[in-house]
Amino acid sequence: MDGMTNAEWDAFLETLAQLVEAVAKDGKEAAEIIRDKKTK
């Protein structure tokens, strides 16, 4: 199984950070946003 490159990982983390910044009102909500993005 191939993993993500560093560039892909950085882009993913930046996208996630921007989502959390735009939506989350506190740490708990930020954690929920991140957990909702985990694979099932």
N, C-alpha and C. Protein backbone atom coordinates (compact mmCIF):
# COMPACT_ATOMS: atom_id res chain seq x y z
N MET A 1 0.84 -1.19 0.00
CA MET A 1 0.00 0.00 0.00
C MET A 1 0.89 1.24 0.00
N ASP A 2 0.62 2.15 -0.91
CA ASP A 2 1.38 3.38 -1.00
C ASP A 2 0.83 4.41 -0.02
N GLY A 3 1.73 5.13 0.64
CA GLY A 3 1.31 6.19 1.54
C GLY A 3 1.30 7.53 0.82
N MET A 4 0.95 8.54 1.56
CA MET A 4 0.95 9.90 1.01
C MET A 4 2.37 10.44 0.98
N THR A 5 2.64 11.27 0.01
CA THR A 5 3.92 11.97 0.00
C THR A 5 3.86 13.09 1.05
N ASN A 6 5.01 13.64 1.38
CA ASN A 6 5.02 14.76 2.32
C ASN A 6 4.19 15.93 1.81
N ALA A 7 4.28 16.20 0.53
CA ALA A 7 3.52 17.31 -0.06
C ALA A 7 2.02 17.05 0.04
N GLU A 8 1.60 15.82 -0.23
CA GLU A 8 0.18 15.47 -0.12
C GLU A 8 -0.29 15.58 1.33
N TRP A 9 0.51 15.10 2.26
CA TRP A 9 0.18 15.16 3.68
C TRP A 9 0.07 16.61 4.13
N ASP A 10 1.03 17.45 3.72
CA ASP A 10 0.99 18.87 4.07
C ASP A 10 -0.27 19.54 3.53
N ALA A 11 -0.63 19.23 2.29
CA ALA A 11 -1.82 19.82 1.68
C ALA A 11 -3.07 19.36 2.43
N PHE A 12 -3.14 18.10 2.80
CA PHE A 12 -4.27 17.58 3.56
C PHE A 12 -4.40 18.29 4.90
N LEU A 13 -3.28 18.41 5.61
CA LEU A 13 -3.31 19.06 6.93
C LEU A 13 -3.71 20.53 6.81
N GLU A 14 -3.24 21.23 5.80
CA GLU A 14 -3.60 22.63 5.60
C GLU A 14 -5.09 22.76 5.32
N THR A 15 -5.62 21.88 4.48
CA THR A 15 -7.06 21.90 4.17
C THR A 15 -7.87 21.65 5.44
N LEU A 16 -7.46 20.70 6.23
CA LEU A 16 -8.14 20.40 7.48
C LEU A 16 -8.06 21.59 8.43
N ALA A 17 -6.90 22.21 8.53
CA ALA A 17 -6.73 23.38 9.41
C ALA A 17 -7.65 24.52 8.97
N GLN A 18 -7.76 24.75 7.68
CA GLN A 18 -8.62 25.81 7.18
C GLN A 18 -10.09 25.52 7.49
N LEU A 19 -10.50 24.28 7.35
CA LEU A 19 -11.87 23.88 7.69
C LEU A 19 -12.14 24.13 9.16
N VAL A 20 -11.23 23.70 10.02
CA VAL A 20 -11.41 23.87 11.46
C VAL A 20 -11.46 25.36 11.81
N GLU A 21 -10.57 26.15 11.24
CA GLU A 21 -10.57 27.60 11.49
C GLU A 21 -11.88 28.24 11.10
N ALA A 22 -12.43 27.83 9.97
CA ALA A 22 -13.64 28.45 9.45
C ALA A 22 -14.90 28.02 10.20
N VAL A 23 -14.89 26.82 10.78
CA VAL A 23 -16.13 26.26 11.32
C VAL A 23 -16.14 26.14 12.84
N ALA A 24 -15.05 25.69 13.42
CA ALA A 24 -15.04 25.38 14.85
C ALA A 24 -15.11 26.63 15.71
N LYS A 25 -15.91 26.54 16.76
CA LYS A 25 -16.04 27.64 17.69
C LYS A 25 -15.23 27.40 18.96
N ASP A 26 -14.80 26.16 19.17
CA ASP A 26 -13.99 25.82 20.34
C ASP A 26 -13.24 24.51 20.07
N GLY A 27 -12.41 24.12 21.02
CA GLY A 27 -11.60 22.92 20.85
C GLY A 27 -12.41 21.66 20.68
N LYS A 28 -13.51 21.55 21.41
CA LYS A 28 -14.34 20.34 21.31
C LYS A 28 -14.93 20.22 19.90
N GLU A 29 -15.42 21.32 19.38
CA GLU A 29 -15.98 21.29 18.03
C GLU A 29 -14.89 20.99 17.00
N ALA A 30 -13.70 21.52 17.20
CA ALA A 30 -12.58 21.24 16.29
C ALA A 30 -12.28 19.74 16.28
N ALA A 31 -12.25 19.13 17.45
CA ALA A 31 -11.98 17.69 17.53
C ALA A 31 -13.08 16.89 16.83
N GLU A 32 -14.32 17.30 16.97
CA GLU A 32 -15.43 16.61 16.31
C GLU A 32 -15.30 16.70 14.79
N ILE A 33 -14.92 17.87 14.29
CA ILE A 33 -14.73 18.04 12.84
C ILE A 33 -13.66 17.08 12.34
N ILE A 34 -12.56 17.01 13.04
CA ILE A 34 -11.46 16.14 12.63
C ILE A 34 -11.87 14.68 12.70
N ARG A 35 -12.51 14.29 13.77
CA ARG A 35 -12.95 12.89 13.90
C ARG A 35 -13.96 12.50 12.83
N ASP A 36 -14.81 13.43 12.43
CA ASP A 36 -15.80 13.15 11.38
C ASP A 36 -15.12 12.87 10.04
N LYS A 37 -13.88 13.35 9.86
CA LYS A 37 -13.16 13.15 8.60
C LYS A 37 -12.38 11.84 8.55
N LYS A 38 -12.32 11.13 9.67
CA LYS A 38 -11.61 9.86 9.70
C LYS A 38 -12.33 8.84 8.81
N THR A 39 -11.56 7.92 8.27
CA THR A 39 -12.19 6.87 7.47
C THR A 39 -12.98 5.95 8.38
N LYS A 40 -14.01 5.42 7.85
CA LYS A 40 -14.90 4.55 8.65
C LYS A 40 -14.46 3.12 8.55
